[in-house]
Amino acid sequence: MRLCVIHAEEISKVVIQMRQVVFSFCDGNVEGAKNAFSNVFDNERQADEVKRKVLEELSKGPFLPMDREDVMRLVLTVDDVGANAKSAARKINFSSSTDLGDDIKTGLRQLADMLVEIVDEMKRGIEKLLEEPRKVAELADELERLEEKIDEHRVELLVKIIKFGDKAKSFSSWLMLKEAVDNMENVADKSEDVADLIRTMEISYS
């Protein structure tokens, strides 16, 4: 479980760097977005190393089958958070902010900020599972509230992006942006899935 906390910390770094990609993109800083994506790639690779260590420990540790399955599901779901953040960052680098309105840029920045917040709460939830299990349910509830807030924001942002698509000069650039937002939504969805897992684990082992 301590390795799971370290893994979540590395995934949190991936999402923070994804936010930097978004901000650089919205500022028209192409080089900055590329550099930030390089950091996303490096952080995810470090997270993968920790994930492998967790899976190795599960293969040799004295776990009951259910214990092993729960921890494996936890680490793989957290890993999905990082994978979607990486995909979002990559697709944003394939897009262009040249013709985007300020409302869309503002919405993207706000979405990125909210994702950093929910993933930080996700990490705290895993820490609490290890250190203060009784507080897990409270954090899981907060994760669900954040996910609902993010979903409402995403819908409003997608409406603006779809309207922009009607007049976008580059269909491929617009499509990459739309799919990046879909990946960003998945970051929040997978964080909520982690909330369900840690709540279940706390109940099972309390």
N, C-alpha and C. Protein backbone atom coordinates (compact mmCIF):
# COMPACT_ATOMS: atom_id res chain seq x y z
N MET A 1 0.82 -1.21 0.00
CA MET A 1 0.00 0.00 0.00
C MET A 1 0.85 1.26 0.00
N ARG A 2 2.03 1.19 0.64
CA ARG A 2 2.91 2.36 0.60
C ARG A 2 3.42 2.59 -0.82
N LEU A 3 3.66 1.51 -1.54
CA LEU A 3 4.03 1.65 -2.95
C LEU A 3 2.87 2.24 -3.76
N CYS A 4 1.65 1.89 -3.40
CA CYS A 4 0.47 2.45 -4.08
C CYS A 4 0.40 3.96 -3.87
N VAL A 5 0.75 4.41 -2.68
CA VAL A 5 0.78 5.85 -2.40
C VAL A 5 1.84 6.53 -3.26
N ILE A 6 3.02 5.92 -3.34
CA ILE A 6 4.09 6.48 -4.17
C ILE A 6 3.66 6.52 -5.63
N HIS A 7 2.98 5.45 -6.08
CA HIS A 7 2.48 5.41 -7.46
C HIS A 7 1.49 6.54 -7.71
N ALA A 8 0.59 6.77 -6.77
CA ALA A 8 -0.39 7.86 -6.90
C ALA A 8 0.30 9.22 -6.95
N GLU A 9 1.37 9.38 -6.19
CA GLU A 9 2.14 10.63 -6.22
C GLU A 9 2.74 10.87 -7.59
N GLU A 10 3.26 9.82 -8.21
CA GLU A 10 3.83 9.95 -9.55
C GLU A 10 2.77 10.27 -10.58
N ILE A 11 1.59 9.66 -10.43
CA ILE A 11 0.48 9.95 -11.34
C ILE A 11 0.02 11.39 -11.17
N SER A 12 0.05 11.87 -9.93
CA SER A 12 -0.31 13.27 -9.67
C SER A 12 0.63 14.22 -10.42
N LYS A 13 1.90 13.87 -10.47
CA LYS A 13 2.88 14.69 -11.22
C LYS A 13 2.56 14.69 -12.71
N VAL A 14 2.09 13.56 -13.22
CA VAL A 14 1.70 13.48 -14.63
C VAL A 14 0.58 14.49 -14.92
N VAL A 15 -0.40 14.53 -14.03
CA VAL A 15 -1.55 15.42 -14.24
C VAL A 15 -1.14 16.89 -14.10
N ILE A 16 -0.23 17.18 -13.19
CA ILE A 16 0.26 18.55 -13.02
C ILE A 16 0.97 19.00 -14.30
N GLN A 17 1.76 18.12 -14.88
CA GLN A 17 2.45 18.47 -16.13
C GLN A 17 1.48 18.56 -17.30
N MET A 18 0.42 17.74 -17.27
CA MET A 18 -0.62 17.87 -18.28
C MET A 18 -1.25 19.26 -18.23
N ARG A 19 -1.47 19.74 -16.99
CA ARG A 19 -2.01 21.10 -16.83
C ARG A 19 -1.06 22.12 -17.46
N GLN A 20 0.24 21.92 -17.30
CA GLN A 20 1.20 22.84 -17.90
C GLN A 20 1.13 22.80 -19.42
N VAL A 21 0.89 21.62 -19.97
CA VAL A 21 0.69 21.52 -21.42
C VAL A 21 -0.51 22.37 -21.84
N VAL A 22 -1.60 22.24 -21.10
CA VAL A 22 -2.83 22.98 -21.42
C VAL A 22 -2.59 24.49 -21.34
N PHE A 23 -1.94 24.93 -20.28
CA PHE A 23 -1.71 26.36 -20.11
C PHE A 23 -0.79 26.90 -21.20
N SER A 24 0.26 26.16 -21.53
CA SER A 24 1.18 26.59 -22.59
C SER A 24 0.45 26.63 -23.93
N PHE A 25 -0.37 25.64 -24.18
CA PHE A 25 -1.17 25.58 -25.40
C PHE A 25 -2.07 26.80 -25.52
N CYS A 26 -2.77 27.12 -24.44
CA CYS A 26 -3.69 28.26 -24.46
C CYS A 26 -2.95 29.59 -24.61
N ASP A 27 -1.70 29.62 -24.15
CA ASP A 27 -0.89 30.84 -24.29
C ASP A 27 -0.20 30.93 -25.65
N GLY A 28 -0.40 29.90 -26.48
CA GLY A 28 0.25 29.88 -27.79
C GLY A 28 1.74 29.56 -27.71
N ASN A 29 2.16 29.00 -26.59
CA ASN A 29 3.56 28.66 -26.38
C ASN A 29 3.79 27.21 -26.81
N VAL A 30 4.05 27.01 -28.09
CA VAL A 30 4.19 25.67 -28.65
C VAL A 30 5.36 24.92 -28.03
N GLU A 31 6.47 25.61 -27.89
CA GLU A 31 7.67 24.98 -27.31
C GLU A 31 7.43 24.58 -25.86
N GLY A 32 6.76 25.47 -25.13
CA GLY A 32 6.46 25.17 -23.74
C GLY A 32 5.56 23.95 -23.60
N ALA A 33 4.58 23.82 -24.51
CA ALA A 33 3.68 22.66 -24.49
C ALA A 33 4.44 21.38 -24.78
N LYS A 34 5.38 21.44 -25.72
CA LYS A 34 6.17 20.26 -26.05
C LYS A 34 7.06 19.85 -24.88
N ASN A 35 7.68 20.84 -24.25
CA ASN A 35 8.56 20.54 -23.10
C ASN A 35 7.76 19.94 -21.95
N ALA A 36 6.56 20.48 -21.72
CA ALA A 36 5.72 19.97 -20.64
C ALA A 36 5.28 18.53 -20.95
N PHE A 37 5.01 18.24 -22.24
CA PHE A 37 4.64 16.87 -22.59
C PHE A 37 5.79 15.91 -22.36
N SER A 38 7.00 16.38 -22.60
CA SER A 38 8.18 15.56 -22.32
C SER A 38 8.22 15.19 -20.84
N ASN A 39 7.85 16.14 -19.99
CA ASN A 39 7.79 15.87 -18.55
C ASN A 39 6.66 14.89 -18.21
N VAL A 40 5.54 15.03 -18.91
CA VAL A 40 4.43 14.09 -18.74
C VAL A 40 4.92 12.67 -19.03
N PHE A 41 5.62 12.53 -20.13
CA PHE A 41 6.13 11.23 -20.55
C PHE A 41 7.08 10.65 -19.50
N ASP A 42 7.99 11.49 -19.01
CA ASP A 42 8.96 11.04 -18.01
C ASP A 42 8.28 10.64 -16.70
N ASN A 43 7.32 11.45 -16.27
CA ASN A 43 6.62 11.15 -15.01
C ASN A 43 5.80 9.86 -15.12
N GLU A 44 5.18 9.65 -16.28
CA GLU A 44 4.40 8.43 -16.43
C GLU A 44 5.31 7.20 -16.46
N ARG A 45 6.47 7.36 -17.05
CA ARG A 45 7.43 6.25 -17.06
C ARG A 45 7.87 5.91 -15.64
N GLN A 46 8.08 6.92 -14.81
CA GLN A 46 8.44 6.68 -13.41
C GLN A 46 7.29 5.99 -12.67
N ALA A 47 6.06 6.42 -12.98
CA ALA A 47 4.89 5.78 -12.37
C ALA A 47 4.81 4.31 -12.78
N ASP A 48 5.14 4.03 -14.04
CA ASP A 48 5.12 2.64 -14.52
C ASP A 48 6.11 1.77 -13.75
N GLU A 49 7.26 2.35 -13.42
CA GLU A 49 8.26 1.61 -12.64
C GLU A 49 7.71 1.23 -11.27
N VAL A 50 7.02 2.18 -10.64
CA VAL A 50 6.43 1.89 -9.33
C VAL A 50 5.32 0.86 -9.46
N LYS A 51 4.51 0.99 -10.52
CA LYS A 51 3.43 0.02 -10.74
C LYS A 51 4.00 -1.39 -10.88
N ARG A 52 5.09 -1.54 -11.61
CA ARG A 52 5.70 -2.85 -11.76
C ARG A 52 6.16 -3.41 -10.41
N LYS A 53 6.68 -2.53 -9.56
CA LYS A 53 7.11 -2.97 -8.23
C LYS A 53 5.91 -3.47 -7.42
N VAL A 54 4.79 -2.75 -7.52
CA VAL A 54 3.59 -3.17 -6.80
C VAL A 54 3.16 -4.56 -7.28
N LEU A 55 3.12 -4.75 -8.60
CA LEU A 55 2.68 -6.03 -9.15
C LEU A 55 3.64 -7.15 -8.79
N GLU A 56 4.93 -6.83 -8.72
CA GLU A 56 5.92 -7.83 -8.32
C GLU A 56 5.68 -8.26 -6.86
N GLU A 57 5.42 -7.27 -6.00
CA GLU A 57 5.17 -7.57 -4.59
C GLU A 57 3.91 -8.42 -4.43
N LEU A 58 2.90 -8.12 -5.25
CA LEU A 58 1.66 -8.88 -5.18
C LEU A 58 1.88 -10.34 -5.58
N SER A 59 2.83 -10.56 -6.48
CA SER A 59 3.07 -11.92 -6.98
C SER A 59 3.79 -12.80 -5.96
N LYS A 60 4.45 -12.18 -4.99
CA LYS A 60 5.22 -12.98 -4.04
C LYS A 60 4.80 -12.79 -2.58
N GLY A 61 3.98 -11.79 -2.29
CA GLY A 61 3.61 -11.51 -0.91
C GLY A 61 2.57 -12.48 -0.37
N PRO A 62 2.45 -12.57 0.95
CA PRO A 62 1.48 -13.46 1.60
C PRO A 62 0.09 -12.83 1.64
N PHE A 63 -0.53 -12.69 0.47
CA PHE A 63 -1.84 -12.05 0.39
C PHE A 63 -2.94 -13.08 0.24
N LEU A 64 -4.09 -12.77 0.79
CA LEU A 64 -5.28 -13.52 0.45
C LEU A 64 -5.67 -13.14 -0.98
N PRO A 65 -6.37 -14.02 -1.73
CA PRO A 65 -6.73 -13.70 -3.12
C PRO A 65 -7.48 -12.38 -3.26
N MET A 66 -8.43 -12.11 -2.33
CA MET A 66 -9.19 -10.87 -2.42
C MET A 66 -8.31 -9.65 -2.17
N ASP A 67 -7.38 -9.76 -1.23
CA ASP A 67 -6.44 -8.66 -0.97
C ASP A 67 -5.68 -8.33 -2.24
N ARG A 68 -5.15 -9.37 -2.87
CA ARG A 68 -4.34 -9.18 -4.07
C ARG A 68 -5.16 -8.52 -5.18
N GLU A 69 -6.38 -9.00 -5.36
CA GLU A 69 -7.24 -8.48 -6.42
C GLU A 69 -7.58 -7.00 -6.17
N ASP A 70 -7.87 -6.66 -4.93
CA ASP A 70 -8.23 -5.28 -4.60
C ASP A 70 -7.07 -4.32 -4.86
N VAL A 71 -5.89 -4.70 -4.41
CA VAL A 71 -4.72 -3.83 -4.60
C VAL A 71 -4.38 -3.71 -6.07
N MET A 72 -4.50 -4.80 -6.81
CA MET A 72 -4.21 -4.77 -8.24
C MET A 72 -5.19 -3.84 -8.97
N ARG A 73 -6.46 -3.96 -8.63
CA ARG A 73 -7.47 -3.09 -9.26
C ARG A 73 -7.19 -1.62 -8.93
N LEU A 74 -6.77 -1.38 -7.70
CA LEU A 74 -6.48 -0.01 -7.29
C LEU A 74 -5.34 0.58 -8.10
N VAL A 75 -4.23 -0.13 -8.17
CA VAL A 75 -3.06 0.42 -8.86
C VAL A 75 -3.31 0.55 -10.36
N LEU A 76 -4.06 -0.37 -10.94
CA LEU A 76 -4.34 -0.29 -12.38
C LEU A 76 -5.32 0.84 -12.71
N THR A 77 -6.26 1.10 -11.79
CA THR A 77 -7.20 2.20 -12.02
C THR A 77 -6.49 3.55 -11.89
N VAL A 78 -5.62 3.67 -10.90
CA VAL A 78 -4.82 4.89 -10.77
C VAL A 78 -3.94 5.06 -12.00
N ASP A 79 -3.43 3.96 -12.52
CA ASP A 79 -2.60 4.02 -13.72
C ASP A 79 -3.40 4.54 -14.91
N ASP A 80 -4.69 4.19 -14.98
CA ASP A 80 -5.56 4.69 -16.05
C ASP A 80 -5.70 6.21 -15.99
N VAL A 81 -5.66 6.77 -14.78
CA VAL A 81 -5.70 8.23 -14.62
C VAL A 81 -4.52 8.85 -15.36
N GLY A 82 -3.33 8.31 -15.12
CA GLY A 82 -2.14 8.83 -15.77
C GLY A 82 -2.15 8.62 -17.26
N ALA A 83 -2.64 7.46 -17.71
CA ALA A 83 -2.68 7.17 -19.15
C ALA A 83 -3.58 8.16 -19.88
N ASN A 84 -4.71 8.51 -19.29
CA ASN A 84 -5.62 9.47 -19.92
C ASN A 84 -5.05 10.88 -19.90
N ALA A 85 -4.35 11.23 -18.83
CA ALA A 85 -3.71 12.54 -18.77
C ALA A 85 -2.63 12.65 -19.85
N LYS A 86 -1.87 11.59 -20.02
CA LYS A 86 -0.83 11.56 -21.06
C LYS A 86 -1.45 11.68 -22.45
N SER A 87 -2.54 10.94 -22.69
CA SER A 87 -3.22 11.01 -23.99
C SER A 87 -3.76 12.41 -24.27
N ALA A 88 -4.32 13.04 -23.23
CA ALA A 88 -4.84 14.40 -23.39
C ALA A 88 -3.71 15.36 -23.76
N ALA A 89 -2.59 15.24 -23.07
CA ALA A 89 -1.44 16.12 -23.33
C ALA A 89 -0.92 15.92 -24.74
N ARG A 90 -0.84 14.67 -25.18
CA ARG A 90 -0.35 14.39 -26.53
C ARG A 90 -1.28 15.00 -27.58
N LYS A 91 -2.57 14.80 -27.43
CA LYS A 91 -3.53 15.29 -28.42
C LYS A 91 -3.58 16.80 -28.47
N ILE A 92 -3.40 17.44 -27.31
CA ILE A 92 -3.36 18.90 -27.30
C ILE A 92 -2.17 19.41 -28.10
N ASN A 93 -1.06 18.69 -28.03
CA ASN A 93 0.12 19.08 -28.81
C ASN A 93 -0.09 18.89 -30.30
N PHE A 94 -1.07 18.07 -30.68
CA PHE A 94 -1.40 17.88 -32.09
C PHE A 94 -2.44 18.90 -32.58
N SER A 95 -2.93 19.71 -31.66
CA SER A 95 -3.94 20.71 -32.00
C SER A 95 -3.30 22.09 -32.10
N SER A 96 -4.15 23.09 -32.34
CA SER A 96 -3.66 24.47 -32.45
C SER A 96 -4.64 25.40 -31.75
N SER A 97 -4.09 26.38 -31.04
CA SER A 97 -4.95 27.32 -30.32
C SER A 97 -5.13 28.63 -31.08
N THR A 98 -4.63 28.68 -32.30
CA THR A 98 -4.59 29.94 -33.06
C THR A 98 -5.95 30.61 -33.17
N ASP A 99 -6.98 29.85 -33.53
CA ASP A 99 -8.30 30.43 -33.77
C ASP A 99 -9.27 30.23 -32.61
N LEU A 100 -8.79 29.68 -31.51
CA LEU A 100 -9.68 29.44 -30.38
C LEU A 100 -10.07 30.74 -29.68
N GLY A 101 -11.32 30.81 -29.27
CA GLY A 101 -11.78 31.98 -28.53
C GLY A 101 -11.28 31.94 -27.09
N ASP A 102 -11.28 33.10 -26.46
CA ASP A 102 -10.82 33.17 -25.07
C ASP A 102 -11.70 32.35 -24.13
N ASP A 103 -12.97 32.21 -24.47
CA ASP A 103 -13.87 31.44 -23.61
C ASP A 103 -13.47 29.96 -23.56
N ILE A 104 -13.04 29.43 -24.71
CA ILE A 104 -12.61 28.04 -24.75
C ILE A 104 -11.28 27.88 -24.02
N LYS A 105 -10.37 28.82 -24.22
CA LYS A 105 -9.07 28.76 -23.54
C LYS A 105 -9.25 28.83 -22.02
N THR A 106 -10.12 29.71 -21.59
CA THR A 106 -10.39 29.83 -20.15
C THR A 106 -10.99 28.53 -19.62
N GLY A 107 -11.91 27.96 -20.39
CA GLY A 107 -12.53 26.70 -19.98
C GLY A 107 -11.54 25.56 -19.88
N LEU A 108 -10.59 25.52 -20.81
CA LEU A 108 -9.56 24.47 -20.77
C LEU A 108 -8.67 24.63 -19.55
N ARG A 109 -8.28 25.87 -19.26
CA ARG A 109 -7.44 26.11 -18.08
C ARG A 109 -8.18 25.69 -16.80
N GLN A 110 -9.45 26.06 -16.72
CA GLN A 110 -10.24 25.73 -15.53
C GLN A 110 -10.38 24.22 -15.39
N LEU A 111 -10.60 23.52 -16.50
CA LEU A 111 -10.73 22.07 -16.46
C LEU A 111 -9.43 21.43 -15.98
N ALA A 112 -8.30 21.91 -16.49
CA ALA A 112 -7.00 21.38 -16.08
C ALA A 112 -6.77 21.60 -14.59
N ASP A 113 -7.15 22.77 -14.10
CA ASP A 113 -7.01 23.05 -12.66
C ASP A 113 -7.86 22.09 -11.82
N MET A 114 -9.07 21.84 -12.27
CA MET A 114 -9.96 20.95 -11.53
C MET A 114 -9.45 19.52 -11.53
N LEU A 115 -8.78 19.12 -12.61
CA LEU A 115 -8.24 17.77 -12.66
C LEU A 115 -7.07 17.60 -11.70
N VAL A 116 -6.25 18.62 -11.59
CA VAL A 116 -5.17 18.58 -10.61
C VAL A 116 -5.76 18.43 -9.21
N GLU A 117 -6.85 19.15 -8.95
CA GLU A 117 -7.50 19.10 -7.63
C GLU A 117 -8.06 17.71 -7.34
N ILE A 118 -8.76 17.11 -8.30
CA ILE A 118 -9.39 15.82 -8.03
C ILE A 118 -8.35 14.72 -7.90
N VAL A 119 -7.27 14.80 -8.66
CA VAL A 119 -6.23 13.77 -8.55
C VAL A 119 -5.46 13.92 -7.24
N ASP A 120 -5.31 15.14 -6.77
CA ASP A 120 -4.69 15.34 -5.47
C ASP A 120 -5.56 14.73 -4.37
N GLU A 121 -6.87 14.90 -4.50
CA GLU A 121 -7.80 14.29 -3.52
C GLU A 121 -7.76 12.76 -3.62
N MET A 122 -7.63 12.27 -4.84
CA MET A 122 -7.51 10.82 -5.04
C MET A 122 -6.29 10.28 -4.31
N LYS A 123 -5.17 10.98 -4.46
CA LYS A 123 -3.94 10.57 -3.78
C LYS A 123 -4.14 10.60 -2.26
N ARG A 124 -4.79 11.63 -1.76
CA ARG A 124 -5.03 11.74 -0.32
C ARG A 124 -5.92 10.60 0.16
N GLY A 125 -6.88 10.19 -0.67
CA GLY A 125 -7.76 9.09 -0.31
C GLY A 125 -6.99 7.79 -0.11
N ILE A 126 -6.01 7.54 -0.98
CA ILE A 126 -5.19 6.33 -0.86
C ILE A 126 -4.32 6.42 0.39
N GLU A 127 -3.81 7.62 0.66
CA GLU A 127 -3.01 7.81 1.89
C GLU A 127 -3.86 7.54 3.12
N LYS A 128 -5.09 8.03 3.12
CA LYS A 128 -5.97 7.84 4.28
C LYS A 128 -6.33 6.37 4.46
N LEU A 129 -6.45 5.64 3.36
CA LEU A 129 -6.74 4.22 3.46
C LEU A 129 -5.66 3.51 4.25
N LEU A 130 -4.44 3.99 4.12
CA LEU A 130 -3.30 3.39 4.82
C LEU A 130 -3.15 3.93 6.24
N GLU A 131 -3.43 5.24 6.41
CA GLU A 131 -3.11 5.89 7.69
C GLU A 131 -4.33 6.14 8.58
N GLU A 132 -5.44 6.59 7.99
CA GLU A 132 -6.65 6.90 8.75
C GLU A 132 -7.88 6.37 8.02
N PRO A 133 -8.09 5.06 8.01
CA PRO A 133 -9.17 4.46 7.23
C PRO A 133 -10.55 5.05 7.49
N ARG A 134 -10.79 5.51 8.72
CA ARG A 134 -12.12 6.03 9.04
C ARG A 134 -12.47 7.30 8.25
N LYS A 135 -11.48 7.97 7.71
CA LYS A 135 -11.73 9.20 6.95
C LYS A 135 -11.85 8.96 5.45
N VAL A 136 -11.72 7.70 5.05
CA VAL A 136 -11.78 7.37 3.62
C VAL A 136 -13.13 7.72 3.01
N ALA A 137 -14.21 7.39 3.70
CA ALA A 137 -15.55 7.63 3.16
C ALA A 137 -15.78 9.12 2.89
N GLU A 138 -15.32 9.96 3.79
CA GLU A 138 -15.47 11.41 3.63
C GLU A 138 -14.73 11.89 2.38
N LEU A 139 -13.49 11.41 2.18
CA LEU A 139 -12.72 11.80 1.01
C LEU A 139 -13.32 11.24 -0.27
N ALA A 140 -13.85 10.03 -0.19
CA ALA A 140 -14.49 9.43 -1.37
C ALA A 140 -15.71 10.24 -1.79
N ASP A 141 -16.47 10.72 -0.82
CA ASP A 141 -17.63 11.56 -1.12
C ASP A 141 -17.19 12.86 -1.80
N GLU A 142 -16.09 13.43 -1.33
CA GLU A 142 -15.58 14.67 -1.92
C GLU A 142 -15.13 14.43 -3.36
N LEU A 143 -14.51 13.28 -3.60
CA LEU A 143 -14.10 12.93 -4.96
C LEU A 143 -15.30 12.86 -5.89
N GLU A 144 -16.39 12.30 -5.42
CA GLU A 144 -17.59 12.20 -6.23
C GLU A 144 -18.16 13.59 -6.52
N ARG A 145 -18.15 14.47 -5.54
CA ARG A 145 -18.65 15.83 -5.75
C ARG A 145 -17.78 16.57 -6.79
N LEU A 146 -16.47 16.39 -6.68
CA LEU A 146 -15.57 17.04 -7.64
C LEU A 146 -15.81 16.51 -9.05
N GLU A 147 -16.03 15.19 -9.17
CA GLU A 147 -16.27 14.60 -10.49
C GLU A 147 -17.53 15.17 -11.12
N GLU A 148 -18.58 15.34 -10.32
CA GLU A 148 -19.83 15.92 -10.83
C GLU A 148 -19.61 17.35 -11.29
N LYS A 149 -18.85 18.11 -10.53
CA LYS A 149 -18.53 19.49 -10.90
C LYS A 149 -17.74 19.54 -12.20
N ILE A 150 -16.78 18.65 -12.33
CA ILE A 150 -15.96 18.60 -13.55
C ILE A 150 -16.82 18.21 -14.74
N ASP A 151 -17.72 17.26 -14.56
CA ASP A 151 -18.57 16.82 -15.66
C ASP A 151 -19.46 17.95 -16.16
N GLU A 152 -20.01 18.73 -15.25
CA GLU A 152 -20.84 19.87 -15.65
C GLU A 152 -20.02 20.89 -16.44
N HIS A 153 -18.81 21.15 -15.97
CA HIS A 153 -17.93 22.09 -16.66
C HIS A 153 -17.56 21.56 -18.04
N ARG A 154 -17.26 20.26 -18.12
CA ARG A 154 -16.86 19.67 -19.39
C ARG A 154 -17.97 19.78 -20.43
N VAL A 155 -19.21 19.53 -20.02
CA VAL A 155 -20.34 19.62 -20.96
C VAL A 155 -20.44 21.03 -21.53
N GLU A 156 -20.33 22.04 -20.67
CA GLU A 156 -20.39 23.42 -21.13
C GLU A 156 -19.24 23.74 -22.09
N LEU A 157 -18.06 23.22 -21.76
CA LEU A 157 -16.89 23.46 -22.60
C LEU A 157 -17.04 22.76 -23.95
N LEU A 158 -17.56 21.53 -23.95
CA LEU A 158 -17.72 20.79 -25.20
C LEU A 158 -18.72 21.48 -26.13
N VAL A 159 -19.76 22.07 -25.58
CA VAL A 159 -20.72 22.81 -26.41
C VAL A 159 -20.00 23.92 -27.17
N LYS A 160 -19.12 24.62 -26.48
CA LYS A 160 -18.35 25.70 -27.12
C LYS A 160 -17.38 25.15 -28.16
N ILE A 161 -16.76 24.03 -27.84
CA ILE A 161 -15.80 23.44 -28.78
C ILE A 161 -16.51 22.92 -30.02
N ILE A 162 -17.68 22.31 -29.85
CA ILE A 162 -18.44 21.81 -31.00
C ILE A 162 -18.89 22.96 -31.89
N LYS A 163 -19.33 24.05 -31.30
CA LYS A 163 -19.71 25.23 -32.10
C LYS A 163 -18.50 25.77 -32.86
N PHE A 164 -17.35 25.76 -32.20
CA PHE A 164 -16.11 26.20 -32.85
C PHE A 164 -15.78 25.29 -34.03
N GLY A 165 -16.11 24.01 -33.91
CA GLY A 165 -15.82 23.05 -34.97
C GLY A 165 -16.55 23.38 -36.27
N ASP A 166 -17.70 24.06 -36.17
CA ASP A 166 -18.47 24.41 -37.37
C ASP A 166 -17.71 25.38 -38.27
N LYS A 167 -16.76 26.13 -37.69
CA LYS A 167 -16.04 27.12 -38.48
C LYS A 167 -14.52 26.92 -38.41
N ALA A 168 -14.09 25.82 -37.81
CA ALA A 168 -12.65 25.58 -37.66
C ALA A 168 -12.00 25.38 -39.03
N LYS A 169 -10.84 25.97 -39.21
CA LYS A 169 -10.11 25.85 -40.48
C LYS A 169 -9.48 24.47 -40.64
N SER A 170 -9.13 23.85 -39.53
CA SER A 170 -8.50 22.53 -39.56
C SER A 170 -9.34 21.54 -38.78
N PHE A 171 -9.95 20.58 -39.51
CA PHE A 171 -10.79 19.58 -38.85
C PHE A 171 -9.97 18.70 -37.93
N SER A 172 -8.77 18.31 -38.38
CA SER A 172 -7.94 17.41 -37.57
C SER A 172 -7.52 18.07 -36.26
N SER A 173 -7.20 19.36 -36.32
CA SER A 173 -6.82 20.09 -35.11
C SER A 173 -7.99 20.17 -34.14
N TRP A 174 -9.17 20.46 -34.68
CA TRP A 174 -10.38 20.54 -33.84
C TRP A 174 -10.69 19.18 -33.22
N LEU A 175 -10.56 18.11 -34.03
CA LEU A 175 -10.86 16.77 -33.54
C LEU A 175 -9.91 16.38 -32.41
N MET A 176 -8.62 16.70 -32.56
CA MET A 176 -7.65 16.38 -31.52
C MET A 176 -8.00 17.10 -30.21
N LEU A 177 -8.45 18.34 -30.31
CA LEU A 177 -8.83 19.10 -29.11
C LEU A 177 -10.05 18.48 -28.44
N LYS A 178 -11.03 18.12 -29.24
CA LYS A 178 -12.24 17.50 -28.70
C LYS A 178 -11.90 16.19 -28.01
N GLU A 179 -11.04 15.37 -28.62
CA GLU A 179 -10.68 14.08 -28.02
C GLU A 179 -9.80 14.28 -26.78
N ALA A 180 -9.01 15.34 -26.77
CA ALA A 180 -8.21 15.64 -25.58
C ALA A 180 -9.12 15.93 -24.40
N VAL A 181 -10.20 16.66 -24.64
CA VAL A 181 -11.15 16.95 -23.57
C VAL A 181 -11.84 15.67 -23.11
N ASP A 182 -12.09 14.75 -24.03
CA ASP A 182 -12.66 13.45 -23.64
C ASP A 182 -11.71 12.71 -22.71
N ASN A 183 -10.42 12.73 -23.03
CA ASN A 183 -9.42 12.10 -22.15
C ASN A 183 -9.36 12.79 -20.79
N MET A 184 -9.50 14.10 -20.79
CA MET A 184 -9.49 14.84 -19.53
C MET A 184 -10.69 14.45 -18.68
N GLU A 185 -11.83 14.21 -19.33
CA GLU A 185 -13.00 13.73 -18.60
C GLU A 185 -12.69 12.37 -17.97
N ASN A 186 -11.98 11.52 -18.71
CA ASN A 186 -11.66 10.19 -18.20
C ASN A 186 -10.74 10.26 -16.98
N VAL A 187 -9.90 11.28 -16.91
CA VAL A 187 -9.06 11.47 -15.73
C VAL A 187 -9.95 11.61 -14.49
N ALA A 188 -11.00 12.40 -14.62
CA ALA A 188 -11.93 12.59 -13.50
C ALA A 188 -12.73 11.33 -13.23
N ASP A 189 -13.19 10.66 -14.29
CA ASP A 189 -13.99 9.44 -14.12
C ASP A 189 -13.20 8.35 -13.41
N LYS A 190 -11.95 8.17 -13.83
CA LYS A 190 -11.11 7.14 -13.20
C LYS A 190 -10.78 7.51 -11.75
N SER A 191 -10.65 8.80 -11.48
CA SER A 191 -10.42 9.23 -10.10
C SER A 191 -11.62 8.88 -9.23
N GLU A 192 -12.81 9.03 -9.80
CA GLU A 192 -14.02 8.65 -9.06
C GLU A 192 -14.07 7.13 -8.86
N ASP A 193 -13.61 6.38 -9.87
CA ASP A 193 -13.55 4.92 -9.72
C ASP A 193 -12.63 4.53 -8.57
N VAL A 194 -11.54 5.28 -8.42
CA VAL A 194 -10.63 5.03 -7.28
C VAL A 194 -11.36 5.28 -5.98
N ALA A 195 -12.20 6.31 -5.95
CA ALA A 195 -12.99 6.59 -4.74
C ALA A 195 -13.85 5.41 -4.37
N ASP A 196 -14.49 4.79 -5.36
CA ASP A 196 -15.32 3.61 -5.10
C ASP A 196 -14.48 2.45 -4.56
N LEU A 197 -13.29 2.28 -5.13
CA LEU A 197 -12.42 1.18 -4.71
C LEU A 197 -11.94 1.34 -3.27
N ILE A 198 -11.49 2.55 -2.94
CA ILE A 198 -10.96 2.73 -1.58
C ILE A 198 -12.08 2.67 -0.54
N ARG A 199 -13.27 3.09 -0.92
CA ARG A 199 -14.39 2.98 0.00
C ARG A 199 -14.72 1.49 0.25
N THR A 200 -14.71 0.71 -0.82
CA THR A 200 -14.98 -0.72 -0.70
C THR A 200 -13.89 -1.41 0.12
N MET A 201 -12.63 -1.03 -0.12
CA MET A 201 -11.53 -1.65 0.61
C MET A 201 -11.58 -1.31 2.09
N GLU A 202 -11.95 -0.07 2.40
CA GLU A 202 -12.05 0.35 3.80
C GLU A 202 -13.13 -0.45 4.52
N ILE A 203 -14.27 -0.66 3.84
CA ILE A 203 -15.36 -1.44 4.45
C ILE A 203 -14.95 -2.90 4.63
N SER A 204 -14.26 -3.45 3.61
CA SER A 204 -13.90 -4.86 3.63
C SER A 204 -12.92 -5.22 4.73
N TYR A 205 -12.01 -4.26 5.02
CA TYR A 205 -10.92 -4.60 5.94
C TYR A 205 -11.01 -3.89 7.29
N SER A 206 -12.13 -3.21 7.52
CA SER A 206 -12.29 -2.54 8.81
C SER A 206 -12.84 -3.50 9.86
